[in-house]
């Protein structure tokens, strides 16, 4: 059965696709901080696949990082680039990378 245009527009954002577009360049395809865009950075990007990282792995902590970024690092905030539901989808996909889902 084909989705109608309205149904297709109502589909939730794809966290993996968003990750590939917005995050993998620095954090790598599997979230290990080894993306090609990070080669010139002074410090390696966070491993998002780790079971924990210093800024926390709660949904709230991760959403704050995605939204506001991390001052003093190349990690930009995406609060003005991604919609709320897109940022929420990224939070959920990062759980997959950490093996939580």
N, C-alpha and C. Protein backbone atom coordinates (compact mmCIF):
# COMPACT_ATOMS: atom_id res chain seq x y z
N UNK A 1 0.84 -1.17 0.00
CA UNK A 1 0.00 0.00 0.00
C UNK A 1 0.89 1.24 0.00
N UNK A 2 0.65 2.16 -0.88
CA UNK A 2 1.45 3.37 -0.99
C UNK A 2 0.97 4.41 0.01
N UNK A 3 1.90 5.17 0.54
CA UNK A 3 1.55 6.23 1.46
C UNK A 3 0.99 7.41 0.69
N UNK A 4 -0.02 8.03 1.23
CA UNK A 4 -0.51 9.25 0.62
C UNK A 4 0.50 10.36 0.91
N UNK A 5 0.38 11.46 0.23
CA UNK A 5 1.30 12.57 0.46
C UNK A 5 1.23 13.03 1.91
N UNK A 6 0.02 13.14 2.45
CA UNK A 6 -0.13 13.58 3.84
C UNK A 6 0.50 12.57 4.80
N UNK A 7 0.32 11.28 4.54
CA UNK A 7 0.90 10.26 5.41
C UNK A 7 2.42 10.28 5.32
N UNK A 8 2.95 10.47 4.13
CA UNK A 8 4.40 10.53 3.96
C UNK A 8 4.98 11.73 4.70
N UNK A 9 4.28 12.85 4.66
CA UNK A 9 4.75 14.05 5.35
C UNK A 9 4.68 13.88 6.87
N UNK A 10 3.76 13.04 7.34
CA UNK A 10 3.59 12.85 8.77
C UNK A 10 4.55 11.80 9.34
N UNK A 11 5.30 11.13 8.48
CA UNK A 11 6.24 10.10 8.95
C UNK A 11 7.28 10.75 9.87
N UNK A 12 7.64 10.06 10.95
CA UNK A 12 8.64 10.63 11.87
C UNK A 12 10.00 10.73 11.19
N UNK A 13 10.83 11.66 11.65
CA UNK A 13 12.16 11.80 11.08
C UNK A 13 12.99 10.52 11.27
N UNK A 14 13.87 10.27 10.35
CA UNK A 14 14.75 9.10 10.38
C UNK A 14 16.05 9.49 11.07
N UNK A 15 16.23 9.03 12.31
CA UNK A 15 17.41 9.39 13.09
C UNK A 15 18.72 8.98 12.44
N UNK A 16 18.74 7.81 11.81
CA UNK A 16 19.96 7.35 11.17
C UNK A 16 20.32 8.24 9.99
N UNK A 17 19.34 8.61 9.18
CA UNK A 17 19.60 9.49 8.04
C UNK A 17 20.06 10.87 8.52
N UNK A 18 19.44 11.38 9.57
CA UNK A 18 19.87 12.66 10.12
C UNK A 18 21.29 12.57 10.65
N UNK A 19 21.61 11.48 11.34
CA UNK A 19 22.97 11.28 11.86
C UNK A 19 23.98 11.28 10.71
N UNK A 20 23.66 10.55 9.66
CA UNK A 20 24.57 10.46 8.51
C UNK A 20 24.81 11.84 7.91
N UNK A 21 23.76 12.64 7.81
CA UNK A 21 23.87 13.97 7.21
C UNK A 21 24.57 14.97 8.11
N UNK A 22 24.22 15.00 9.38
CA UNK A 22 24.66 16.07 10.27
C UNK A 22 25.80 15.71 11.22
N UNK A 23 26.01 14.45 11.51
CA UNK A 23 26.93 14.06 12.59
C UNK A 23 28.12 13.21 12.15
N UNK A 24 27.89 12.33 11.20
CA UNK A 24 28.91 11.33 10.84
C UNK A 24 30.20 11.95 10.31
N UNK A 25 30.13 13.13 9.72
CA UNK A 25 31.33 13.76 9.20
C UNK A 25 32.40 13.94 10.27
N UNK A 26 31.98 14.24 11.49
CA UNK A 26 32.92 14.41 12.60
C UNK A 26 32.97 13.18 13.51
N UNK A 27 31.80 12.64 13.83
CA UNK A 27 31.74 11.54 14.80
C UNK A 27 31.93 10.17 14.17
N UNK A 28 31.96 10.09 12.85
CA UNK A 28 32.18 8.82 12.16
C UNK A 28 30.89 8.05 11.94
N UNK A 29 30.91 7.12 10.99
CA UNK A 29 29.70 6.39 10.63
C UNK A 29 29.12 5.55 11.76
N UNK A 30 29.95 5.14 12.70
CA UNK A 30 29.48 4.32 13.82
C UNK A 30 29.59 5.06 15.15
N UNK A 31 29.82 6.39 15.08
CA UNK A 31 29.83 7.20 16.28
C UNK A 31 31.08 7.11 17.12
N UNK A 32 32.19 6.70 16.55
CA UNK A 32 33.40 6.48 17.33
C UNK A 32 34.36 7.68 17.34
N UNK A 33 33.90 8.81 16.83
CA UNK A 33 34.73 10.02 16.84
C UNK A 33 35.81 10.03 15.79
N UNK A 34 35.62 9.25 14.73
CA UNK A 34 36.66 9.10 13.71
C UNK A 34 36.21 9.54 12.32
N UNK A 35 35.36 10.54 12.26
CA UNK A 35 34.87 11.02 10.97
C UNK A 35 35.93 11.77 10.20
N UNK A 36 35.84 11.79 8.88
CA UNK A 36 36.85 12.44 8.05
C UNK A 36 36.96 13.94 8.27
N UNK A 37 35.88 14.61 8.65
CA UNK A 37 35.92 16.05 8.86
C UNK A 37 36.65 16.44 10.14
N UNK A 38 36.92 15.49 11.02
CA UNK A 38 37.54 15.77 12.32
C UNK A 38 39.06 15.70 12.28
N UNK A 39 39.63 15.37 11.15
CA UNK A 39 41.08 15.17 11.08
C UNK A 39 41.89 16.40 11.50
N UNK A 40 41.39 17.59 11.28
CA UNK A 40 42.13 18.80 11.64
C UNK A 40 41.82 19.33 13.02
N UNK A 41 40.99 18.65 13.78
CA UNK A 41 40.61 19.14 15.11
C UNK A 41 41.74 18.93 16.11
N UNK A 42 41.82 19.81 17.10
CA UNK A 42 42.81 19.67 18.17
C UNK A 42 42.54 18.46 19.04
N UNK A 43 41.27 18.13 19.23
CA UNK A 43 40.91 16.95 20.01
C UNK A 43 39.89 16.13 19.24
N UNK A 44 39.90 14.84 19.50
CA UNK A 44 39.00 13.91 18.81
C UNK A 44 37.56 14.15 19.28
N UNK A 45 36.59 14.13 18.36
CA UNK A 45 35.19 14.25 18.76
C UNK A 45 34.80 13.11 19.71
N UNK A 46 33.78 13.36 20.49
CA UNK A 46 33.30 12.35 21.44
C UNK A 46 32.90 11.07 20.72
N UNK A 47 33.18 9.95 21.36
CA UNK A 47 32.68 8.67 20.87
C UNK A 47 31.24 8.55 21.32
N UNK A 48 30.33 8.66 20.39
CA UNK A 48 28.90 8.59 20.71
C UNK A 48 28.45 7.15 20.88
N UNK A 49 29.31 6.22 20.53
CA UNK A 49 29.00 4.79 20.68
C UNK A 49 29.36 4.27 22.06
N UNK A 50 30.09 5.07 22.84
CA UNK A 50 30.48 4.65 24.18
C UNK A 50 29.25 4.58 25.08
N UNK A 51 29.30 3.71 26.06
CA UNK A 51 28.16 3.56 26.97
C UNK A 51 27.97 4.80 27.84
N UNK A 52 29.03 5.59 27.99
CA UNK A 52 28.91 6.86 28.70
C UNK A 52 29.96 7.82 28.16
N UNK A 53 29.68 9.10 28.28
CA UNK A 53 30.68 10.11 27.96
C UNK A 53 30.50 11.28 28.90
N UNK A 54 31.52 12.11 28.99
CA UNK A 54 31.62 13.04 30.12
C UNK A 54 30.46 14.02 30.26
N UNK A 55 29.75 14.30 29.21
CA UNK A 55 28.64 15.25 29.33
C UNK A 55 27.30 14.55 29.60
N UNK A 56 27.32 13.23 29.74
CA UNK A 56 26.12 12.48 30.09
C UNK A 56 25.40 11.87 28.91
N UNK A 57 24.64 10.82 29.19
CA UNK A 57 23.92 10.13 28.12
C UNK A 57 22.41 10.13 28.34
N UNK A 58 21.94 10.89 29.32
CA UNK A 58 20.49 10.98 29.48
C UNK A 58 19.93 11.68 28.24
N UNK A 59 18.68 11.40 27.93
CA UNK A 59 18.06 12.06 26.77
C UNK A 59 18.18 13.57 26.89
N UNK A 60 17.95 14.09 28.08
CA UNK A 60 18.00 15.54 28.31
C UNK A 60 19.40 16.09 28.05
N UNK A 61 20.43 15.41 28.54
CA UNK A 61 21.81 15.87 28.35
C UNK A 61 22.20 15.84 26.88
N UNK A 62 21.84 14.76 26.20
CA UNK A 62 22.19 14.62 24.78
C UNK A 62 21.45 15.66 23.95
N UNK A 63 20.17 15.87 24.24
CA UNK A 63 19.39 16.87 23.51
C UNK A 63 19.98 18.26 23.70
N UNK A 64 20.44 18.57 24.90
CA UNK A 64 21.05 19.87 25.17
C UNK A 64 22.31 20.06 24.32
N UNK A 65 23.13 19.03 24.22
CA UNK A 65 24.35 19.11 23.41
C UNK A 65 24.00 19.31 21.94
N UNK A 66 23.04 18.54 21.44
CA UNK A 66 22.64 18.67 20.04
C UNK A 66 22.08 20.06 19.78
N UNK A 67 21.32 20.58 20.71
CA UNK A 67 20.66 21.87 20.54
C UNK A 67 21.62 23.04 20.67
N UNK A 68 22.45 23.03 21.71
CA UNK A 68 23.29 24.18 22.03
C UNK A 68 24.75 24.03 21.63
N UNK A 69 25.19 22.80 21.38
CA UNK A 69 26.59 22.56 21.07
C UNK A 69 27.42 22.47 22.34
N UNK A 70 28.73 22.45 22.17
CA UNK A 70 29.66 22.38 23.30
C UNK A 70 30.64 23.54 23.16
N UNK A 71 30.53 24.55 24.04
CA UNK A 71 31.42 25.70 23.96
C UNK A 71 32.89 25.29 24.01
N UNK A 72 33.70 25.98 23.22
CA UNK A 72 35.13 25.71 23.21
C UNK A 72 35.54 24.52 22.37
N UNK A 73 34.58 23.95 21.64
CA UNK A 73 34.86 22.80 20.77
C UNK A 73 34.25 23.08 19.39
N UNK A 74 34.60 22.28 18.40
CA UNK A 74 33.98 22.45 17.09
C UNK A 74 32.51 22.00 17.03
N UNK A 75 31.99 21.43 18.14
CA UNK A 75 30.62 20.93 18.15
C UNK A 75 29.64 22.09 18.19
N UNK A 76 29.05 22.37 17.02
CA UNK A 76 28.03 23.42 16.90
C UNK A 76 26.70 22.95 17.45
N UNK A 77 25.88 23.89 17.84
CA UNK A 77 24.51 23.58 18.21
C UNK A 77 23.64 23.54 16.96
N UNK A 78 22.63 22.70 17.00
CA UNK A 78 21.74 22.53 15.85
C UNK A 78 20.32 22.98 16.17
N UNK A 79 20.17 23.77 17.22
CA UNK A 79 18.85 24.25 17.61
C UNK A 79 18.17 25.08 16.54
N UNK A 80 18.96 25.80 15.74
CA UNK A 80 18.36 26.61 14.68
C UNK A 80 18.46 25.95 13.31
N UNK A 81 18.99 24.74 13.26
CA UNK A 81 19.15 24.03 11.98
C UNK A 81 18.22 22.83 11.86
N UNK A 82 17.87 22.24 12.99
CA UNK A 82 17.01 21.06 13.00
C UNK A 82 15.76 21.33 13.83
N UNK A 83 14.65 20.77 13.39
CA UNK A 83 13.39 20.90 14.13
C UNK A 83 13.46 20.03 15.39
N UNK A 84 12.55 20.32 16.32
CA UNK A 84 12.51 19.57 17.58
C UNK A 84 12.42 18.07 17.35
N UNK A 85 11.53 17.64 16.45
CA UNK A 85 11.36 16.20 16.23
C UNK A 85 12.59 15.58 15.58
N UNK A 86 13.34 16.36 14.81
CA UNK A 86 14.57 15.85 14.21
C UNK A 86 15.64 15.65 15.28
N UNK A 87 15.75 16.61 16.19
CA UNK A 87 16.72 16.48 17.28
C UNK A 87 16.34 15.32 18.20
N UNK A 88 15.04 15.15 18.43
CA UNK A 88 14.59 14.00 19.23
C UNK A 88 14.93 12.68 18.53
N UNK A 89 14.79 12.64 17.21
CA UNK A 89 15.13 11.42 16.46
C UNK A 89 16.62 11.13 16.57
N UNK A 90 17.45 12.16 16.57
CA UNK A 90 18.90 11.96 16.75
C UNK A 90 19.19 11.39 18.13
N UNK A 91 18.54 11.91 19.15
CA UNK A 91 18.74 11.40 20.52
C UNK A 91 18.43 9.90 20.54
N UNK A 92 17.34 9.50 19.92
CA UNK A 92 16.96 8.09 19.91
C UNK A 92 17.95 7.25 19.11
N UNK A 93 18.44 7.78 17.99
CA UNK A 93 19.40 7.02 17.19
C UNK A 93 20.73 6.85 17.92
N UNK A 94 21.13 7.83 18.69
CA UNK A 94 22.38 7.69 19.44
C UNK A 94 22.29 6.56 20.45
N UNK A 95 21.10 6.27 20.94
CA UNK A 95 20.91 5.11 21.82
C UNK A 95 21.21 3.82 21.06
N UNK A 96 20.84 3.79 19.80
CA UNK A 96 21.13 2.61 18.96
C UNK A 96 22.65 2.45 18.84
N UNK A 97 23.36 3.54 18.59
CA UNK A 97 24.82 3.47 18.47
C UNK A 97 25.46 2.98 19.77
N UNK A 98 24.86 3.33 20.91
CA UNK A 98 25.40 2.90 22.21
C UNK A 98 24.92 1.51 22.59
N UNK A 99 24.11 0.90 21.74
CA UNK A 99 23.62 -0.45 22.02
C UNK A 99 22.48 -0.50 23.02
N UNK A 100 21.80 0.62 23.22
CA UNK A 100 20.70 0.67 24.18
C UNK A 100 19.36 0.29 23.57
N UNK A 101 19.27 0.27 22.27
CA UNK A 101 18.00 -0.07 21.59
C UNK A 101 18.24 -1.10 20.55
